[in-house]
Amino acid sequence: MAGEVQLVEAASGGDPAKGLRAAPAPRELAEQMAALQVTNSRAHGWSWAEIAFFLGVSKQAVHKKHAGRLPPS
């Protein structure tokens, strides 16, 4: 939780350097969460089309981005 507080303080503070360093963190967290849940979904037998629907992208996009990271099924 301390990391989140520091992130919010940096992003909302008056120091542009700290704010700019903090700016990519939410996007990076979202990418990590998506990768984790794509792996979880595939392990539960979900199709690329099902995963893509929930991520709001095409099945080709989600497959291209995540297929190389997954263990062989």
C-alpha atoms as a PDB file:
ATOM      1  CA  MET A   1       0.000   0.000   0.000  1.00  0.00           C
ATOM      2  CA  ALA A   2       2.894   2.368   0.678  1.00  0.00           C
ATOM      3  CA  GLY A   3       3.918   2.193  -2.972  1.00  0.00           C
ATOM      4  CA  GLU A   4       0.472   3.291  -4.106  1.00  0.00           C
ATOM      5  CA  VAL A   5       0.511   6.239  -1.705  1.00  0.00           C
ATOM      6  CA  GLN A   6       3.933   7.304  -2.963  1.00  0.00           C
ATOM      7  CA  LEU A   7       2.724   6.986  -6.549  1.00  0.00           C
ATOM      8  CA  VAL A   8      -0.311   9.188  -5.910  1.00  0.00           C
ATOM      9  CA  GLU A   9       1.801  11.742  -4.059  1.00  0.00           C
ATOM     10  CA  ALA A  10       4.331  11.858  -6.895  1.00  0.00           C
ATOM     11  CA  ALA A  11       1.660  12.115  -9.582  1.00  0.00           C
ATOM     12  CA  SER A  12      -0.246  14.882  -7.808  1.00  0.00           C
ATOM     13  CA  GLY A  13       2.730  16.809  -6.453  1.00  0.00           C
ATOM     14  CA  GLY A  14       4.338  19.907  -7.842  1.00  0.00           C
ATOM     15  CA  ASP A  15       7.557  18.287  -9.071  1.00  0.00           C
ATOM     16  CA  PRO A  16       7.140  17.527 -12.775  1.00  0.00           C
ATOM     17  CA  ALA A  17      10.047  15.058 -12.794  1.00  0.00           C
ATOM     18  CA  LYS A  18       8.430  12.940 -10.073  1.00  0.00           C
ATOM     19  CA  GLY A  19       5.045  13.199 -11.741  1.00  0.00           C
ATOM     20  CA  LEU A  20       6.368  12.130 -15.122  1.00  0.00           C
ATOM     21  CA  ARG A  21       8.270   9.204 -13.605  1.00  0.00           C
ATOM     22  CA  ALA A  22       5.049   8.084 -11.902  1.00  0.00           C
ATOM     23  CA  ALA A  23       2.855   8.464 -15.007  1.00  0.00           C
ATOM     24  CA  PRO A  24       3.636   5.079 -16.663  1.00  0.00           C
ATOM     25  CA  ALA A  25       2.983   3.040 -13.502  1.00  0.00           C
ATOM     26  CA  PRO A  26      -0.791   2.561 -13.933  1.00  0.00           C
ATOM     27  CA  ARG A  27      -0.327   1.421 -17.544  1.00  0.00           C
ATOM     28  CA  GLU A  28       2.405  -1.029 -16.516  1.00  0.00           C
ATOM     29  CA  LEU A  29       0.198  -2.408 -13.751  1.00  0.00           C
ATOM     30  CA  ALA A  30      -2.708  -2.815 -16.169  1.00  0.00           C
ATOM     31  CA  GLU A  31      -0.448  -4.704 -18.610  1.00  0.00           C
ATOM     32  CA  GLN A  32       0.735  -7.035 -15.850  1.00  0.00           C
ATOM     33  CA  MET A  33      -2.842  -7.679 -14.725  1.00  0.00           C
ATOM     34  CA  ALA A  34      -3.978  -8.377 -18.287  1.00  0.00           C
ATOM     35  CA  ALA A  35      -1.103 -10.809 -18.876  1.00  0.00           C
ATOM     36  CA  LEU A  36      -1.879 -12.631 -15.638  1.00  0.00           C
ATOM     37  CA  GLN A  37      -5.571 -12.922 -16.473  1.00  0.00           C
ATOM     38  CA  VAL A  38      -4.932 -14.019 -20.060  1.00  0.00           C
ATOM     39  CA  THR A  39      -2.760 -16.820 -18.684  1.00  0.00           C
ATOM     40  CA  ASN A  40      -5.463 -17.674 -16.138  1.00  0.00           C
ATOM     41  CA  SER A  41      -8.197 -17.635 -18.795  1.00  0.00           C
ATOM     42  CA  ARG A  42      -6.260 -19.892 -21.144  1.00  0.00           C
ATOM     43  CA  ALA A  43      -5.569 -22.300 -18.267  1.00  0.00           C
ATOM     44  CA  HIS A  44      -9.344 -22.454 -17.751  1.00  0.00           C
ATOM     45  CA  GLY A  45      -9.902 -23.300 -21.404  1.00  0.00           C
ATOM     46  CA  TRP A  46     -11.081 -19.921 -22.672  1.00  0.00           C
ATOM     47  CA  SER A  47     -10.694 -19.209 -26.386  1.00  0.00           C
ATOM     48  CA  TRP A  48      -8.777 -16.242 -27.740  1.00  0.00           C
ATOM     49  CA  ALA A  49     -12.097 -14.804 -28.942  1.00  0.00           C
ATOM     50  CA  GLU A  50     -13.579 -14.951 -25.425  1.00  0.00           C
ATOM     51  CA  ILE A  51     -10.542 -13.275 -23.910  1.00  0.00           C
ATOM     52  CA  ALA A  52     -10.493 -10.637 -26.634  1.00  0.00           C
ATOM     53  CA  PHE A  53     -14.152  -9.809 -25.982  1.00  0.00           C
ATOM     54  CA  PHE A  54     -13.465  -8.987 -22.341  1.00  0.00           C
ATOM     55  CA  LEU A  55     -10.307  -7.017 -23.149  1.00  0.00           C
ATOM     56  CA  GLY A  56     -12.081  -5.067 -25.886  1.00  0.00           C
ATOM     57  CA  VAL A  57      -9.646  -6.044 -28.636  1.00  0.00           C
ATOM     58  CA  SER A  58      -9.625  -8.429 -31.590  1.00  0.00           C
ATOM     59  CA  LYS A  59      -8.741 -12.081 -31.061  1.00  0.00           C
ATOM     60  CA  GLN A  60      -5.803 -11.591 -33.412  1.00  0.00           C
ATOM     61  CA  ALA A  61      -4.479  -8.726 -31.268  1.00  0.00           C
ATOM     62  CA  VAL A  62      -4.721 -10.626 -27.996  1.00  0.00           C
ATOM     63  CA  HIS A  63      -3.191 -13.751 -29.539  1.00  0.00           C
ATOM     64  CA  LYS A  64      -0.309 -11.813 -31.082  1.00  0.00           C
ATOM     65  CA  LYS A  65       0.435 -10.043 -27.802  1.00  0.00           C
ATOM     66  CA  HIS A  66       0.094 -12.948 -25.378  1.00  0.00           C
ATOM     67  CA  ALA A  67       0.504 -16.289 -27.167  1.00  0.00           C
ATOM     68  CA  GLY A  68       4.309 -16.237 -26.955  1.00  0.00           C
ATOM     69  CA  ARG A  69       4.244 -15.773 -23.169  1.00  0.00           C
ATOM     70  CA  LEU A  70       2.095 -18.805 -22.419  1.00  0.00           C
ATOM     71  CA  PRO A  71       3.306 -22.321 -21.764  1.00  0.00           C
ATOM     72  CA  PRO A  72       2.322 -24.787 -24.504  1.00  0.00           C
ATOM     73  CA  SER A  73      -1.168 -26.223 -24.043  1.00  0.00           C
END
